[in-house]
N, C-alpha and C. Protein backbone atom coordinates (compact mmCIF):
# COMPACT_ATOMS: atom_id res chain seq x y z
N MET A 1 -1.32 2.50 -4.10
CA MET A 1 -0.73 3.80 -3.88
C MET A 1 -1.22 4.32 -2.54
N LEU A 2 -0.32 4.86 -1.78
CA LEU A 2 -0.64 5.36 -0.44
C LEU A 2 -1.13 6.80 -0.48
N THR A 3 -1.99 7.13 0.48
CA THR A 3 -2.35 8.53 0.67
C THR A 3 -1.19 9.21 1.39
N ILE A 4 -1.22 10.52 1.44
CA ILE A 4 -0.11 11.23 2.10
C ILE A 4 -0.03 10.86 3.58
N GLU A 5 -1.18 10.66 4.22
CA GLU A 5 -1.18 10.29 5.63
C GLU A 5 -0.54 8.92 5.82
N GLU A 6 -0.89 7.97 4.95
CA GLU A 6 -0.32 6.63 5.05
C GLU A 6 1.18 6.66 4.77
N TYR A 7 1.57 7.47 3.78
CA TYR A 7 2.98 7.58 3.42
C TYR A 7 3.79 8.14 4.59
N ILE A 8 3.30 9.20 5.20
CA ILE A 8 4.01 9.80 6.33
C ILE A 8 4.07 8.82 7.50
N ALA A 9 2.97 8.13 7.77
CA ALA A 9 2.96 7.15 8.86
C ALA A 9 3.99 6.05 8.60
N GLN A 10 4.05 5.59 7.36
CA GLN A 10 5.02 4.55 7.01
C GLN A 10 6.45 5.04 7.18
N ARG A 11 6.72 6.24 6.70
CA ARG A 11 8.07 6.80 6.82
C ARG A 11 8.44 7.03 8.28
N LYS A 12 7.49 7.54 9.09
CA LYS A 12 7.76 7.75 10.52
C LYS A 12 8.12 6.43 11.19
N LYS A 13 7.39 5.38 10.83
CA LYS A 13 7.65 4.07 11.41
C LYS A 13 9.02 3.55 10.98
N GLU A 14 9.33 3.67 9.69
CA GLU A 14 10.62 3.23 9.18
C GLU A 14 11.78 3.97 9.84
N ASP A 15 11.61 5.28 10.02
CA ASP A 15 12.67 6.11 10.60
C ASP A 15 12.62 6.15 12.13
N ARG A 16 11.61 5.51 12.70
CA ARG A 16 11.41 5.51 14.15
C ARG A 16 11.39 6.94 14.71
N LEU A 17 10.63 7.78 14.02
CA LEU A 17 10.54 9.19 14.39
C LEU A 17 9.56 9.36 15.56
N ASN A 18 9.99 10.04 16.58
CA ASN A 18 9.12 10.35 17.72
C ASN A 18 8.82 11.84 17.68
N GLU A 19 7.69 12.18 17.07
CA GLU A 19 7.35 13.60 16.91
C GLU A 19 6.99 14.28 18.23
N LEU A 20 6.81 13.51 19.28
CA LEU A 20 6.46 14.09 20.57
C LEU A 20 7.70 14.49 21.39
N ASN A 21 8.87 14.20 20.89
CA ASN A 21 10.11 14.57 21.57
C ASN A 21 10.38 16.05 21.33
N MET A 22 10.13 16.86 22.33
CA MET A 22 10.26 18.31 22.19
C MET A 22 11.72 18.77 22.07
N ASP A 23 12.65 17.95 22.54
CA ASP A 23 14.06 18.30 22.41
C ASP A 23 14.52 18.28 20.95
N GLU A 24 13.82 17.52 20.12
CA GLU A 24 14.19 17.40 18.71
C GLU A 24 13.14 18.03 17.79
N ARG A 25 12.42 18.99 18.29
CA ARG A 25 11.31 19.61 17.55
C ARG A 25 11.76 20.15 16.19
N ASN A 26 12.83 20.91 16.16
CA ASN A 26 13.29 21.51 14.90
C ASN A 26 13.70 20.44 13.89
N GLU A 27 14.44 19.46 14.34
CA GLU A 27 14.87 18.37 13.44
C GLU A 27 13.67 17.57 12.94
N ASN A 28 12.71 17.29 13.83
CA ASN A 28 11.51 16.54 13.43
C ASN A 28 10.67 17.31 12.42
N THR A 29 10.59 18.62 12.59
CA THR A 29 9.86 19.45 11.63
C THR A 29 10.51 19.35 10.26
N LYS A 30 11.81 19.45 10.24
CA LYS A 30 12.55 19.36 8.98
C LYS A 30 12.33 17.98 8.32
N ILE A 31 12.37 16.93 9.10
CA ILE A 31 12.18 15.56 8.58
C ILE A 31 10.77 15.41 8.01
N CYS A 32 9.77 15.91 8.72
CA CYS A 32 8.38 15.79 8.25
C CYS A 32 8.13 16.60 6.98
N VAL A 33 8.72 17.77 6.89
CA VAL A 33 8.60 18.57 5.67
C VAL A 33 9.23 17.80 4.50
N ASN A 34 10.34 17.13 4.75
CA ASN A 34 10.97 16.31 3.72
C ASN A 34 10.09 15.14 3.31
N TYR A 35 9.33 14.57 4.26
CA TYR A 35 8.39 13.50 3.92
C TYR A 35 7.36 14.00 2.91
N VAL A 36 6.82 15.19 3.17
CA VAL A 36 5.82 15.77 2.27
C VAL A 36 6.44 16.04 0.90
N PHE A 37 7.61 16.61 0.88
CA PHE A 37 8.31 16.88 -0.38
C PHE A 37 8.55 15.58 -1.14
N ASP A 38 9.06 14.56 -0.45
CA ASP A 38 9.31 13.27 -1.09
C ASP A 38 8.03 12.65 -1.64
N TYR A 39 6.95 12.79 -0.89
CA TYR A 39 5.67 12.22 -1.32
C TYR A 39 5.25 12.81 -2.67
N PHE A 40 5.28 14.13 -2.77
CA PHE A 40 4.79 14.77 -3.99
C PHE A 40 5.79 14.72 -5.14
N HIS A 41 7.07 14.72 -4.85
CA HIS A 41 8.06 14.81 -5.92
C HIS A 41 8.73 13.49 -6.27
N THR A 42 8.60 12.49 -5.42
CA THR A 42 9.22 11.20 -5.72
C THR A 42 8.18 10.09 -5.77
N TYR A 43 7.45 9.92 -4.68
CA TYR A 43 6.51 8.81 -4.58
C TYR A 43 5.40 8.90 -5.62
N LEU A 44 4.76 10.05 -5.76
CA LEU A 44 3.69 10.19 -6.74
C LEU A 44 4.21 10.08 -8.16
N THR A 45 5.37 10.59 -8.43
CA THR A 45 5.95 10.52 -9.76
C THR A 45 6.24 9.08 -10.14
N VAL A 46 6.82 8.33 -9.23
CA VAL A 46 7.09 6.91 -9.47
C VAL A 46 5.78 6.16 -9.57
N GLY A 47 4.80 6.54 -8.75
CA GLY A 47 3.49 5.90 -8.78
C GLY A 47 2.80 6.04 -10.11
N GLU A 48 3.01 7.16 -10.78
CA GLU A 48 2.39 7.37 -12.09
C GLU A 48 2.92 6.36 -13.10
N LEU A 49 4.17 5.96 -12.95
CA LEU A 49 4.75 4.96 -13.85
C LEU A 49 4.13 3.59 -13.60
N ASP A 50 3.62 3.37 -12.39
CA ASP A 50 3.02 2.09 -12.03
C ASP A 50 1.52 2.01 -12.31
N GLU A 51 0.93 3.05 -12.90
CA GLU A 51 -0.51 3.07 -13.16
C GLU A 51 -0.99 1.83 -13.92
N PRO A 52 -0.34 1.45 -15.04
CA PRO A 52 -0.81 0.24 -15.74
C PRO A 52 -0.73 -1.00 -14.86
N LYS A 53 0.30 -1.07 -14.04
CA LYS A 53 0.45 -2.21 -13.13
C LYS A 53 -0.70 -2.25 -12.13
N LEU A 54 -1.09 -1.08 -11.62
CA LEU A 54 -2.21 -1.01 -10.67
C LEU A 54 -3.51 -1.43 -11.33
N GLU A 55 -3.71 -1.01 -12.58
CA GLU A 55 -4.92 -1.39 -13.31
C GLU A 55 -4.97 -2.89 -13.48
N LEU A 56 -3.83 -3.50 -13.78
CA LEU A 56 -3.76 -4.95 -13.93
C LEU A 56 -4.08 -5.65 -12.61
N GLN A 57 -3.56 -5.12 -11.51
CA GLN A 57 -3.83 -5.70 -10.20
C GLN A 57 -5.32 -5.62 -9.88
N ASN A 58 -5.95 -4.49 -10.23
CA ASN A 58 -7.39 -4.35 -9.99
C ASN A 58 -8.17 -5.35 -10.82
N LEU A 59 -7.75 -5.55 -12.07
CA LEU A 59 -8.41 -6.54 -12.93
C LEU A 59 -8.27 -7.93 -12.34
N ASP A 60 -7.06 -8.27 -11.88
CA ASP A 60 -6.83 -9.57 -11.27
C ASP A 60 -7.69 -9.75 -10.02
N ALA A 61 -7.80 -8.71 -9.22
CA ALA A 61 -8.62 -8.77 -8.00
C ALA A 61 -10.08 -9.02 -8.36
N GLU A 62 -10.55 -8.38 -9.41
CA GLU A 62 -11.95 -8.59 -9.85
C GLU A 62 -12.16 -10.02 -10.32
N LYS A 63 -11.20 -10.55 -11.07
CA LYS A 63 -11.30 -11.94 -11.55
C LYS A 63 -11.33 -12.91 -10.38
N LEU A 64 -10.46 -12.67 -9.39
CA LEU A 64 -10.42 -13.55 -8.22
C LEU A 64 -11.71 -13.46 -7.42
N LYS A 65 -12.24 -12.26 -7.32
CA LYS A 65 -13.52 -12.08 -6.60
C LYS A 65 -14.63 -12.85 -7.30
N LYS A 66 -14.66 -12.77 -8.63
CA LYS A 66 -15.68 -13.48 -9.41
C LYS A 66 -15.48 -14.99 -9.23
N TYR A 67 -14.26 -15.46 -9.29
CA TYR A 67 -13.95 -16.87 -9.12
C TYR A 67 -14.39 -17.34 -7.73
N ARG A 68 -14.09 -16.52 -6.71
CA ARG A 68 -14.50 -16.86 -5.34
C ARG A 68 -16.01 -17.01 -5.22
N SER A 69 -16.73 -16.13 -5.89
CA SER A 69 -18.20 -16.17 -5.80
C SER A 69 -18.79 -17.40 -6.47
N GLN A 70 -18.03 -18.04 -7.34
CA GLN A 70 -18.50 -19.25 -8.00
C GLN A 70 -18.27 -20.49 -7.15
N LEU A 71 -17.64 -20.35 -6.00
CA LEU A 71 -17.31 -21.48 -5.13
C LEU A 71 -17.97 -21.40 -3.75
N PRO A 72 -19.19 -20.93 -3.66
CA PRO A 72 -19.77 -20.68 -2.33
C PRO A 72 -20.06 -21.94 -1.52
N GLU A 73 -20.26 -23.09 -2.17
CA GLU A 73 -20.65 -24.28 -1.42
C GLU A 73 -19.47 -24.99 -0.75
N TYR A 74 -18.24 -24.54 -1.02
CA TYR A 74 -17.06 -25.15 -0.42
C TYR A 74 -16.67 -24.44 0.87
N ASP A 75 -15.94 -25.17 1.70
CA ASP A 75 -15.42 -24.61 2.93
C ASP A 75 -14.48 -23.45 2.59
N SER A 76 -14.46 -22.42 3.43
CA SER A 76 -13.67 -21.22 3.14
C SER A 76 -12.18 -21.51 2.97
N SER A 77 -11.64 -22.49 3.72
CA SER A 77 -10.22 -22.82 3.57
C SER A 77 -9.94 -23.42 2.19
N ILE A 78 -10.88 -24.19 1.66
CA ILE A 78 -10.72 -24.77 0.32
C ILE A 78 -10.82 -23.68 -0.73
N VAL A 79 -11.75 -22.76 -0.55
CA VAL A 79 -11.90 -21.64 -1.49
C VAL A 79 -10.62 -20.82 -1.53
N GLU A 80 -10.06 -20.50 -0.37
CA GLU A 80 -8.83 -19.71 -0.32
C GLU A 80 -7.67 -20.46 -0.96
N TRP A 81 -7.60 -21.78 -0.75
CA TRP A 81 -6.55 -22.58 -1.37
C TRP A 81 -6.68 -22.54 -2.90
N LEU A 82 -7.90 -22.71 -3.40
CA LEU A 82 -8.12 -22.66 -4.84
C LEU A 82 -7.77 -21.29 -5.43
N VAL A 83 -8.17 -20.24 -4.73
CA VAL A 83 -7.88 -18.88 -5.20
C VAL A 83 -6.38 -18.63 -5.23
N ARG A 84 -5.66 -19.10 -4.20
CA ARG A 84 -4.20 -18.94 -4.19
C ARG A 84 -3.56 -19.69 -5.36
N LYS A 85 -4.09 -20.88 -5.66
CA LYS A 85 -3.56 -21.65 -6.79
C LYS A 85 -3.77 -20.91 -8.10
N ILE A 86 -4.95 -20.34 -8.30
CA ILE A 86 -5.25 -19.58 -9.52
C ILE A 86 -4.38 -18.33 -9.58
N LYS A 87 -4.22 -17.67 -8.45
CA LYS A 87 -3.47 -16.42 -8.39
C LYS A 87 -2.01 -16.60 -8.78
N HIS A 88 -1.44 -17.74 -8.44
CA HIS A 88 0.00 -17.96 -8.68
C HIS A 88 0.29 -18.67 -9.99
N LYS A 89 -0.70 -18.81 -10.84
CA LYS A 89 -0.47 -19.42 -12.17
C LYS A 89 0.23 -18.47 -13.07
């Protein structure tokens, strides 16, 4: 889940918004206000539905971290290959 700053940065990049363009100041203000509105009323609401999915991803990340720590004597490329194989099972 993104923070509001990350969300706005992502949306600005997607929309190719140039907030420094003074000729479009009013339009840019309106667009940015809409980003904030969308973040709180759409993105966070949808994100709440994904909470169990996020918990599962965190659990998977912990398992992979534990698995990685059990393979310290191998070359890092081999460890990453093994972890990718486990991850995609």
